[in-house]
């Protein structure tokens, strides 16, 4: 740990103790935030896994239906049947706050009131397999939109977890130990200064006491000499 020069004063010691208290409290809050983010992230990941499996299954069904349709209908007739969509969708996006992370929420509504009315062709000239393929894609659309939302949410949560983890580590392994070390050094320096001051005061006291004793001795000698001169 690199040594940092700090002023060995009681004011600096008080400032560092306040800084340490704030850092410890911030470290606890960030750890709690990281743990809660991890919990939210794992929930999202589990939902993402289930939803992705459902979407892949629906898309496989749609692909299989379109494969059968391609064998039963000519490409020109298939293209003409699907050229003009009957249903349109309005997509809205809002944001939801999860532990200070703004994640998207997608909402859509169909142009027609009947969301199941998605067939842009007449049933007499097309294969029933085409109905199944269109229906499979229509039902998968909402799950695909939800999947996009969840995957974006998981990405944003993962980025926030990484940033929070770095902050926790910076406090735990750098800032808090360095501040504790500075407090220890300043405390040792102040204790040493107090001891030196006490020693100096004791020396001064001994000097003053010795001086007082010497002055008293001289005064006694002078008094004794004056007495001897009177009686001599």
C-alpha atoms as a PDB file:
ATOM      1  CA  UNK A   1       0.000   0.000   0.000  1.00  0.00           C
ATOM      2  CA  UNK A   2       1.476   3.329  -1.034  1.00  0.00           C
ATOM      3  CA  UNK A   3       2.191   5.680   1.834  1.00  0.00           C
ATOM      4  CA  UNK A   4       0.308   8.961   1.807  1.00  0.00           C
ATOM      5  CA  UNK A   5       1.643  12.064   3.511  1.00  0.00           C
ATOM      6  CA  UNK A   6      -0.995  13.560   5.806  1.00  0.00           C
ATOM      7  CA  UNK A   7      -0.853  16.231   8.469  1.00  0.00           C
ATOM      8  CA  UNK A   8      -0.507  14.656  11.898  1.00  0.00           C
ATOM      9  CA  UNK A   9      -3.041  16.926  13.583  1.00  0.00           C
ATOM     10  CA  UNK A  10      -6.134  16.230  15.630  1.00  0.00           C
ATOM     11  CA  UNK A  11      -8.225  18.116  13.076  1.00  0.00           C
ATOM     12  CA  UNK A  12      -6.955  15.816  10.313  1.00  0.00           C
ATOM     13  CA  UNK A  13      -7.581  12.793  12.547  1.00  0.00           C
ATOM     14  CA  UNK A  14     -11.188  13.890  13.106  1.00  0.00           C
ATOM     15  CA  UNK A  15     -11.662  14.424   9.361  1.00  0.00           C
ATOM     16  CA  UNK A  16     -10.283  10.973   8.546  1.00  0.00           C
ATOM     17  CA  UNK A  17     -12.486   9.294  11.154  1.00  0.00           C
ATOM     18  CA  UNK A  18     -15.559  10.935   9.606  1.00  0.00           C
ATOM     19  CA  UNK A  19     -14.344   9.876   6.174  1.00  0.00           C
ATOM     20  CA  UNK A  20     -13.863   6.294   7.382  1.00  0.00           C
ATOM     21  CA  UNK A  21     -17.328   6.214   8.932  1.00  0.00           C
ATOM     22  CA  UNK A  22     -18.876   7.441   5.675  1.00  0.00           C
ATOM     23  CA  UNK A  23     -16.851   4.934   3.628  1.00  0.00           C
ATOM     24  CA  UNK A  24     -17.888   2.005   5.855  1.00  0.00           C
ATOM     25  CA  UNK A  25     -21.539   3.009   5.635  1.00  0.00           C
ATOM     26  CA  UNK A  26     -21.282   3.480   1.858  1.00  0.00           C
ATOM     27  CA  UNK A  27     -19.582   0.089   1.549  1.00  0.00           C
ATOM     28  CA  UNK A  28     -22.469  -1.602   3.376  1.00  0.00           C
ATOM     29  CA  UNK A  29     -25.082   0.166   1.248  1.00  0.00           C
ATOM     30  CA  UNK A  30     -23.281  -0.744  -1.972  1.00  0.00           C
ATOM     31  CA  UNK A  31     -22.950  -4.379  -0.882  1.00  0.00           C
ATOM     32  CA  UNK A  32     -26.673  -4.489  -0.140  1.00  0.00           C
ATOM     33  CA  UNK A  33     -27.360  -2.926  -3.539  1.00  0.00           C
ATOM     34  CA  UNK A  34     -25.070  -5.429  -5.268  1.00  0.00           C
ATOM     35  CA  UNK A  35     -26.761  -8.371  -3.536  1.00  0.00           C
ATOM     36  CA  UNK A  36     -30.235  -7.116  -4.453  1.00  0.00           C
ATOM     37  CA  UNK A  37     -29.131  -6.490  -8.047  1.00  0.00           C
ATOM     38  CA  UNK A  38     -27.796 -10.039  -8.220  1.00  0.00           C
ATOM     39  CA  UNK A  39     -31.127 -11.368  -6.956  1.00  0.00           C
ATOM     40  CA  UNK A  40     -33.030  -9.329  -9.545  1.00  0.00           C
ATOM     41  CA  UNK A  41     -30.555 -10.379 -12.259  1.00  0.00           C
ATOM     42  CA  UNK A  42     -30.938 -14.091 -11.488  1.00  0.00           C
ATOM     43  CA  UNK A  43     -34.724 -13.771 -11.586  1.00  0.00           C
ATOM     44  CA  UNK A  44     -34.478 -12.069 -14.985  1.00  0.00           C
ATOM     45  CA  UNK A  45     -32.065 -14.716 -16.262  1.00  0.00           C
ATOM     46  CA  UNK A  46     -34.420 -17.523 -15.250  1.00  0.00           C
ATOM     47  CA  UNK A  47     -37.340 -15.775 -16.954  1.00  0.00           C
ATOM     48  CA  UNK A  48     -35.170 -15.145 -20.011  1.00  0.00           C
ATOM     49  CA  UNK A  49     -34.244 -18.841 -20.256  1.00  0.00           C
ATOM     50  CA  UNK A  50     -37.873 -19.963 -20.104  1.00  0.00           C
ATOM     51  CA  UNK A  51     -39.075 -17.310 -22.536  1.00  0.00           C
ATOM     52  CA  UNK A  52     -36.267 -17.970 -25.024  1.00  0.00           C
ATOM     53  CA  UNK A  53     -37.142 -21.677 -25.076  1.00  0.00           C
ATOM     54  CA  UNK A  54     -40.789 -20.812 -25.727  1.00  0.00           C
ATOM     55  CA  UNK A  55     -39.905 -18.353 -28.515  1.00  0.00           C
ATOM     56  CA  UNK A  56     -37.542 -20.814 -30.178  1.00  0.00           C
ATOM     57  CA  UNK A  57     -40.187 -23.495 -30.044  1.00  0.00           C
ATOM     58  CA  UNK A  58     -42.795 -21.173 -31.592  1.00  0.00           C
ATOM     59  CA  UNK A  59     -40.392 -20.076 -34.325  1.00  0.00           C
ATOM     60  CA  UNK A  60     -39.541 -23.689 -35.115  1.00  0.00           C
ATOM     61  CA  UNK A  61     -43.248 -24.461 -35.470  1.00  0.00           C
ATOM     62  CA  UNK A  62     -43.698 -21.440 -37.735  1.00  0.00           C
ATOM     63  CA  UNK A  63     -40.665 -22.438 -39.820  1.00  0.00           C
ATOM     64  CA  UNK A  64     -41.943 -26.000 -40.171  1.00  0.00           C
ATOM     65  CA  UNK A  65     -45.374 -24.695 -41.255  1.00  0.00           C
ATOM     66  CA  UNK A  66     -43.824 -22.347 -43.810  1.00  0.00           C
ATOM     67  CA  UNK A  67     -41.723 -25.212 -45.140  1.00  0.00           C
ATOM     68  CA  UNK A  68     -44.898 -27.228 -45.758  1.00  0.00           C
ATOM     69  CA  UNK A  69     -46.593 -24.163 -47.281  1.00  0.00           C
ATOM     70  CA  UNK A  70     -43.644 -23.647 -49.628  1.00  0.00           C
ATOM     71  CA  UNK A  71     -44.142 -27.187 -50.866  1.00  0.00           C
ATOM     72  CA  UNK A  72     -47.891 -26.791 -51.354  1.00  0.00           C
ATOM     73  CA  UNK A  73     -48.012 -23.253 -52.803  1.00  0.00           C
ATOM     74  CA  UNK A  74     -45.970 -21.506 -55.436  1.00  0.00           C
ATOM     75  CA  UNK A  75     -43.586 -18.806 -54.284  1.00  0.00           C
ATOM     76  CA  UNK A  76     -45.491 -16.187 -56.308  1.00  0.00           C
ATOM     77  CA  UNK A  77     -48.811 -17.045 -54.665  1.00  0.00           C
ATOM     78  CA  UNK A  78     -47.215 -17.149 -51.212  1.00  0.00           C
ATOM     79  CA  UNK A  79     -45.578 -13.771 -51.745  1.00  0.00           C
ATOM     80  CA  UNK A  80     -48.820 -12.292 -53.042  1.00  0.00           C
ATOM     81  CA  UNK A  81     -50.768 -13.658 -50.061  1.00  0.00           C
ATOM     82  CA  UNK A  82     -48.422 -12.040 -47.556  1.00  0.00           C
ATOM     83  CA  UNK A  83     -47.613  -8.845 -49.466  1.00  0.00           C
ATOM     84  CA  UNK A  84     -50.075  -6.539 -47.683  1.00  0.00           C
ATOM     85  CA  UNK A  85     -50.295  -7.095 -43.911  1.00  0.00           C
ATOM     86  CA  UNK A  86     -53.770  -6.756 -42.444  1.00  0.00           C
ATOM     87  CA  UNK A  87     -52.707  -5.893 -38.920  1.00  0.00           C
ATOM     88  CA  UNK A  88     -50.372  -3.144 -37.751  1.00  0.00           C
ATOM     89  CA  UNK A  89     -48.871  -2.555 -34.328  1.00  0.00           C
ATOM     90  CA  UNK A  90     -48.162   0.588 -32.311  1.00  0.00           C
ATOM     91  CA  UNK A  91     -45.181   0.136 -30.000  1.00  0.00           C
ATOM     92  CA  UNK A  92     -44.682   2.218 -26.864  1.00  0.00           C
ATOM     93  CA  UNK A  93     -41.663   2.160 -24.585  1.00  0.00           C
ATOM     94  CA  UNK A  94     -41.555   3.203 -20.944  1.00  0.00           C
ATOM     95  CA  UNK A  95     -38.876   2.828 -18.309  1.00  0.00           C
ATOM     96  CA  UNK A  96     -38.981   1.086 -14.950  1.00  0.00           C
ATOM     97  CA  UNK A  97     -36.501   1.747 -12.176  1.00  0.00           C
ATOM     98  CA  UNK A  98     -34.820  -1.290 -10.633  1.00  0.00           C
ATOM     99  CA  UNK A  99     -32.300  -0.324  -7.946  1.00  0.00           C
ATOM    100  CA  UNK A 100     -31.482   2.975  -9.740  1.00  0.00           C
ATOM    101  CA  UNK A 101     -31.284   1.195 -13.125  1.00  0.00           C
ATOM    102  CA  UNK A 102     -33.775   2.368 -15.757  1.00  0.00           C
ATOM    103  CA  UNK A 103     -34.849  -0.691 -17.730  1.00  0.00           C
ATOM    104  CA  UNK A 104     -37.226  -0.587 -20.713  1.00  0.00           C
ATOM    105  CA  UNK A 105     -40.798  -1.811 -20.779  1.00  0.00           C
ATOM    106  CA  UNK A 106     -42.309  -2.436 -24.223  1.00  0.00           C
ATOM    107  CA  UNK A 107     -46.033  -2.246 -24.757  1.00  0.00           C
ATOM    108  CA  UNK A 108     -47.882  -2.591 -28.025  1.00  0.00           C
ATOM    109  CA  UNK A 109     -51.425  -2.566 -29.234  1.00  0.00           C
ATOM    110  CA  UNK A 110     -52.826  -3.700 -32.542  1.00  0.00           C
ATOM    111  CA  UNK A 111     -54.558  -1.350 -34.930  1.00  0.00           C
ATOM    112  CA  UNK A 112     -57.671  -3.517 -35.041  1.00  0.00           C
ATOM    113  CA  UNK A 113     -59.523  -4.370 -31.869  1.00  0.00           C
ATOM    114  CA  UNK A 114     -59.361  -8.083 -32.709  1.00  0.00           C
ATOM    115  CA  UNK A 115     -55.681  -8.954 -32.233  1.00  0.00           C
ATOM    116  CA  UNK A 116     -56.341 -12.397 -33.745  1.00  0.00           C
ATOM    117  CA  UNK A 117     -57.373 -10.936 -37.087  1.00  0.00           C
ATOM    118  CA  UNK A 118     -53.962 -11.297 -38.742  1.00  0.00           C
ATOM    119  CA  UNK A 119     -54.730 -13.128 -41.986  1.00  0.00           C
ATOM    120  CA  UNK A 120     -54.231 -10.754 -44.962  1.00  0.00           C
ATOM    121  CA  UNK A 121     -55.579 -13.222 -47.557  1.00  0.00           C
ATOM    122  CA  UNK A 122     -58.654 -15.190 -48.473  1.00  0.00           C
ATOM    123  CA  UNK A 123     -58.922 -18.694 -47.095  1.00  0.00           C
ATOM    124  CA  UNK A 124     -60.222 -20.207 -50.327  1.00  0.00           C
ATOM    125  CA  UNK A 125     -57.023 -19.778 -52.326  1.00  0.00           C
ATOM    126  CA  UNK A 126     -54.454 -20.627 -49.658  1.00  0.00           C
ATOM    127  CA  UNK A 127     -53.387 -23.692 -47.740  1.00  0.00           C
ATOM    128  CA  UNK A 128     -54.479 -24.246 -44.146  1.00  0.00           C
ATOM    129  CA  UNK A 129     -50.793 -24.705 -43.304  1.00  0.00           C
ATOM    130  CA  UNK A 130     -50.285 -21.011 -44.086  1.00  0.00           C
ATOM    131  CA  UNK A 131     -52.897 -20.164 -41.473  1.00  0.00           C
ATOM    132  CA  UNK A 132     -50.945 -22.150 -38.915  1.00  0.00           C
ATOM    133  CA  UNK A 133     -47.657 -20.497 -39.871  1.00  0.00           C
ATOM    134  CA  UNK A 134     -49.099 -16.964 -39.657  1.00  0.00           C
ATOM    135  CA  UNK A 135     -50.817 -17.787 -36.373  1.00  0.00           C
ATOM    136  CA  UNK A 136     -47.566 -19.201 -34.946  1.00  0.00           C
ATOM    137  CA  UNK A 137     -45.644 -16.059 -35.891  1.00  0.00           C
ATOM    138  CA  UNK A 138     -48.400 -13.859 -34.480  1.00  0.00           C
ATOM    139  CA  UNK A 139     -48.392 -15.670 -31.154  1.00  0.00           C
ATOM    140  CA  UNK A 140     -44.577 -15.596 -31.011  1.00  0.00           C
ATOM    141  CA  UNK A 141     -44.438 -11.856 -31.630  1.00  0.00           C
ATOM    142  CA  UNK A 142     -45.462 -10.847 -28.112  1.00  0.00           C
ATOM    143  CA  UNK A 143     -43.028 -13.310 -26.584  1.00  0.00           C
ATOM    144  CA  UNK A 144     -40.263 -12.031 -28.874  1.00  0.00           C
ATOM    145  CA  UNK A 145     -40.970  -8.466 -27.742  1.00  0.00           C
ATOM    146  CA  UNK A 146     -40.946  -9.585 -24.108  1.00  0.00           C
ATOM    147  CA  UNK A 147     -37.712 -11.460 -24.746  1.00  0.00           C
ATOM    148  CA  UNK A 148     -36.075  -8.319 -26.185  1.00  0.00           C
ATOM    149  CA  UNK A 149     -37.177  -6.393 -23.100  1.00  0.00           C
ATOM    150  CA  UNK A 150     -35.821  -9.023 -20.714  1.00  0.00           C
ATOM    151  CA  UNK A 151     -32.505  -9.382 -22.512  1.00  0.00           C
ATOM    152  CA  UNK A 152     -31.993  -5.602 -22.470  1.00  0.00           C
ATOM    153  CA  UNK A 153     -32.896  -5.583 -18.785  1.00  0.00           C
ATOM    154  CA  UNK A 154     -30.401  -8.340 -18.034  1.00  0.00           C
ATOM    155  CA  UNK A 155     -27.692  -6.458 -19.965  1.00  0.00           C
ATOM    156  CA  UNK A 156     -28.316  -3.220 -18.043  1.00  0.00           C
ATOM    157  CA  UNK A 157     -28.433  -5.046 -14.709  1.00  0.00           C
ATOM    158  CA  UNK A 158     -25.181  -6.877 -15.497  1.00  0.00           C
ATOM    159  CA  UNK A 159     -23.458  -3.564 -16.307  1.00  0.00           C
ATOM    160  CA  UNK A 160     -24.734  -1.999 -13.075  1.00  0.00           C
ATOM    161  CA  UNK A 161     -23.651  -5.059 -11.058  1.00  0.00           C
ATOM    162  CA  UNK A 162     -20.147  -4.763 -12.504  1.00  0.00           C
ATOM    163  CA  UNK A 163     -19.951  -1.038 -11.699  1.00  0.00           C
ATOM    164  CA  UNK A 164     -21.242  -1.636  -8.173  1.00  0.00           C
ATOM    165  CA  UNK A 165     -18.792  -4.516  -7.686  1.00  0.00           C
ATOM    166  CA  UNK A 166     -15.876  -2.271  -8.687  1.00  0.00           C
ATOM    167  CA  UNK A 167     -17.024   0.409  -6.233  1.00  0.00           C
ATOM    168  CA  UNK A 168     -17.388  -2.138  -3.434  1.00  0.00           C
ATOM    169  CA  UNK A 169     -13.898  -3.499  -4.112  1.00  0.00           C
ATOM    170  CA  UNK A 170     -12.421   0.017  -4.298  1.00  0.00           C
ATOM    171  CA  UNK A 171     -13.880   0.835  -0.889  1.00  0.00           C
ATOM    172  CA  UNK A 172     -13.098  -2.546   0.671  1.00  0.00           C
ATOM    173  CA  UNK A 173      -9.549  -3.018  -0.595  1.00  0.00           C
ATOM    174  CA  UNK A 174      -8.279   0.518  -1.225  1.00  0.00           C
ATOM    175  CA  UNK A 175     -10.065   3.429   0.410  1.00  0.00           C
ATOM    176  CA  UNK A 176     -11.025   1.905   3.773  1.00  0.00           C
ATOM    177  CA  UNK A 177      -7.612   0.221   4.416  1.00  0.00           C
ATOM    178  CA  UNK A 178      -5.734   3.372   3.373  1.00  0.00           C
ATOM    179  CA  UNK A 179      -7.871   5.557   5.629  1.00  0.00           C
ATOM    180  CA  UNK A 180      -7.432   3.134   8.533  1.00  0.00           C
ATOM    181  CA  UNK A 181      -3.676   3.159   7.957  1.00  0.00           C
ATOM    182  CA  UNK A 182      -3.619   6.983   7.915  1.00  0.00           C
ATOM    183  CA  UNK A 183      -5.629   7.080  11.143  1.00  0.00           C
ATOM    184  CA  UNK A 184      -3.218   4.592  12.734  1.00  0.00           C
ATOM    185  CA  UNK A 185      -0.166   6.641  11.709  1.00  0.00           C
ATOM    186  CA  UNK A 186      -1.639   9.923  12.874  1.00  0.00           C
ATOM    187  CA  UNK A 187      -2.710   8.345  16.186  1.00  0.00           C
ATOM    188  CA  UNK A 188       0.780   6.941  16.707  1.00  0.00           C
ATOM    189  CA  UNK A 189       2.329  10.310  15.841  1.00  0.00           C
ATOM    190  CA  UNK A 190       0.006  12.181  18.208  1.00  0.00           C
ATOM    191  CA  UNK A 191       0.686   9.659  20.982  1.00  0.00           C
ATOM    192  CA  UNK A 192       4.410  10.079  20.399  1.00  0.00           C
ATOM    193  CA  UNK A 193       4.035  13.863  20.535  1.00  0.00           C
ATOM    194  CA  UNK A 194       2.049  13.542  23.773  1.00  0.00           C
ATOM    195  CA  UNK A 195       4.759  11.355  25.287  1.00  0.00           C
ATOM    196  CA  UNK A 196       7.476  13.789  24.210  1.00  0.00           C
ATOM    197  CA  UNK A 197       5.503  16.685  25.669  1.00  0.00           C
ATOM    198  CA  UNK A 198       5.044  14.786  28.946  1.00  0.00           C
ATOM    199  CA  UNK A 199       8.768  13.998  29.092  1.00  0.00           C
ATOM    200  CA  UNK A 200       9.656  17.646  28.402  1.00  0.00           C
ATOM    201  CA  UNK A 201       7.261  18.803  31.122  1.00  0.00           C
ATOM    202  CA  UNK A 202       8.745  16.315  33.559  1.00  0.00           C
ATOM    203  CA  UNK A 203      12.264  17.530  32.714  1.00  0.00           C
ATOM    204  CA  UNK A 204      11.216  21.151  33.154  1.00  0.00           C
ATOM    205  CA  UNK A 205       9.588  20.259  36.453  1.00  0.00           C
ATOM    206  CA  UNK A 206      12.778  18.510  37.615  1.00  0.00           C
ATOM    207  CA  UNK A 207      14.871  21.517  36.530  1.00  0.00           C
ATOM    208  CA  UNK A 208      12.553  23.921  38.375  1.00  0.00           C
ATOM    209  CA  UNK A 209      12.600  21.678  41.441  1.00  0.00           C
ATOM    210  CA  UNK A 210      16.397  21.452  41.336  1.00  0.00           C
ATOM    211  CA  UNK A 211      16.620  25.220  40.895  1.00  0.00           C
ATOM    212  CA  UNK A 212      14.273  25.758  43.831  1.00  0.00           C
ATOM    213  CA  UNK A 213      16.325  23.392  45.996  1.00  0.00           C
ATOM    214  CA  UNK A 214      19.534  25.146  44.997  1.00  0.00           C
ATOM    215  CA  UNK A 215      18.072  28.552  45.762  1.00  0.00           C
ATOM    216  CA  UNK A 216      16.842  27.326  49.136  1.00  0.00           C
ATOM    217  CA  UNK A 217      20.272  25.863  49.891  1.00  0.00           C
ATOM    218  CA  UNK A 218      21.952  29.153  49.049  1.00  0.00           C
ATOM    219  CA  UNK A 219      19.432  31.067  51.093  1.00  0.00           C
ATOM    220  CA  UNK A 220      20.033  28.740  54.038  1.00  0.00           C
ATOM    221  CA  UNK A 221      23.794  29.136  53.667  1.00  0.00           C
ATOM    222  CA  UNK A 222      23.502  32.914  53.544  1.00  0.00           C
ATOM    223  CA  UNK A 223      21.210  32.915  56.552  1.00  0.00           C
ATOM    224  CA  UNK A 224      23.607  30.673  58.481  1.00  0.00           C
ATOM    225  CA  UNK A 225      26.581  32.869  57.524  1.00  0.00           C
ATOM    226  CA  UNK A 226      24.757  35.985  58.657  1.00  0.00           C
ATOM    227  CA  UNK A 227      23.851  34.350  61.933  1.00  0.00           C
ATOM    228  CA  UNK A 228      27.457  33.279  62.508  1.00  0.00           C
ATOM    229  CA  UNK A 229      28.658  36.800  61.856  1.00  0.00           C
ATOM    230  CA  UNK A 230      26.242  38.195  64.428  1.00  0.00           C
ATOM    231  CA  UNK A 231      27.285  35.827  67.176  1.00  0.00           C
ATOM    232  CA  UNK A 232      30.984  36.011  66.275  1.00  0.00           C
END
